[in-house]
Every structure is written in C-alpha cells, then in structure tokens.
Amino acid sequence: MTAAAEPLPAVPQTVTGLSWDVYHGRACVWCEVLLMEPGARPVARVEEYAGVHDLSTTVWGCAPCCQARGVGEAP
C-alpha cells in the first residue's frame, strides 16, 4: 500500500505574483526550484488577459513535488 498523497496547494488563479522562472516554465510552481532534472510535468494552465494581451502560461511541477502530490499518476 502506498502513502496518501499530500493535498495539492492551490495553483494560482492569476499570473500576478508568479516569479519570472515559474511564469516562463523554468521553475516548479510549488517549491520554485529550477527544473533541471527530468520528470517535470505540466500542472495547470493559468489564464489571464490584459485587454487584448494574452498573459496565460502553463505552470510546471518538479518531479519530487509531483510524485509527493500524485500528479500525473494513473488513477
């Protein structure tokens, strides 16, 4: 039997407050560690618009955070 996954912290609803690295998909959305190791996964799409400008981005999670939270595992 496996341990229960940690609850997912809320993924930001807007891009406001995301660091440059998280916004550009270079760092984990939860721990903000740079995604240098294999196993990173896309976690969510954060959509935001400023008038006609699309500020949306895909946020990523590092392998340890995704594994601890059960992201990407088969149901």
Protein backbone atom coordinates (compact mmCIF):
# COMPACT_ATOMS: atom_id res chain seq x y z
CA MET A 1 0.00 0.00 0.00
CA THR A 2 1.29 3.47 -0.81
CA ALA A 3 1.21 6.54 1.38
CA ALA A 4 -1.57 9.04 0.81
CA ALA A 5 -0.63 11.89 -1.49
CA GLU A 6 -0.16 15.34 0.00
CA PRO A 7 -3.03 17.71 -0.71
CA LEU A 8 -2.36 19.96 -3.65
CA PRO A 9 -1.85 23.59 -2.71
CA ALA A 10 -3.98 25.87 -4.78
CA VAL A 11 -2.47 26.69 -8.14
CA PRO A 12 -2.55 30.47 -8.63
CA GLN A 13 -5.63 31.73 -10.46
CA THR A 14 -3.72 34.66 -11.99
CA VAL A 15 -0.16 35.21 -13.17
CA THR A 16 0.21 38.07 -10.70
CA GLY A 17 2.81 37.13 -8.11
CA LEU A 18 4.45 34.34 -10.12
CA SER A 19 8.22 34.62 -10.26
CA TRP A 20 9.83 35.08 -13.67
CA ASP A 21 11.12 31.50 -13.65
CA VAL A 22 7.73 29.99 -12.71
CA TYR A 23 5.89 32.14 -15.28
CA HIS A 24 8.26 31.03 -18.05
CA GLY A 25 8.13 27.34 -17.10
CA ARG A 26 11.66 27.17 -15.73
CA ALA A 27 10.80 26.55 -12.06
CA CYS A 28 8.36 24.47 -10.02
CA VAL A 29 5.10 26.23 -9.18
CA TRP A 30 5.18 24.84 -5.60
CA CYS A 31 8.82 24.93 -4.44
CA GLU A 32 10.26 27.30 -7.10
CA VAL A 33 13.30 25.06 -7.66
CA LEU A 34 14.65 25.29 -11.22
CA LEU A 35 13.51 22.37 -13.37
CA MET A 36 16.94 20.94 -14.18
CA GLU A 37 16.17 17.25 -13.54
CA PRO A 38 13.98 15.03 -15.75
CA GLY A 39 10.47 14.24 -14.63
CA ALA A 40 8.94 17.72 -14.54
CA ARG A 41 5.28 17.79 -15.53
CA PRO A 42 2.83 20.47 -16.60
CA VAL A 43 0.47 21.05 -13.68
CA ALA A 44 -2.08 23.64 -14.81
CA ARG A 45 -2.82 26.39 -17.27
CA VAL A 46 -3.19 29.82 -15.68
CA GLU A 47 -5.21 32.05 -17.98
CA GLU A 48 -5.23 35.81 -17.75
CA TYR A 49 -5.81 38.65 -20.18
CA ALA A 50 -4.98 42.35 -20.01
CA GLY A 51 -7.28 43.76 -22.64
CA VAL A 52 -6.26 42.07 -25.88
CA HIS A 53 -2.96 40.80 -24.44
CA ASP A 54 -2.86 37.12 -23.53
CA LEU A 55 -0.74 36.65 -20.38
CA SER A 56 -1.66 32.98 -19.94
CA THR A 57 1.00 30.42 -19.10
CA THR A 58 1.40 26.76 -18.21
CA VAL A 59 2.89 26.17 -14.76
CA TRP A 60 5.09 23.14 -14.12
CA GLY A 61 5.94 20.98 -11.13
CA CYS A 62 9.28 19.31 -10.38
CA ALA A 63 9.46 15.53 -10.16
CA PRO A 64 9.66 15.35 -6.32
CA CYS A 65 6.66 17.70 -5.84
CA CYS A 66 4.62 15.88 -8.49
CA GLN A 67 5.46 12.49 -7.01
CA ALA A 68 4.63 13.63 -3.46
CA ARG A 69 1.29 15.01 -4.62
CA GLY A 70 0.37 12.20 -7.01
CA VAL A 71 0.34 14.45 -10.08
CA GLY A 72 0.50 12.53 -13.33
CA GLU A 73 -0.12 9.07 -11.87
CA ALA A 74 -2.68 6.73 -13.32
CA PRO A 75 -5.94 6.70 -11.33
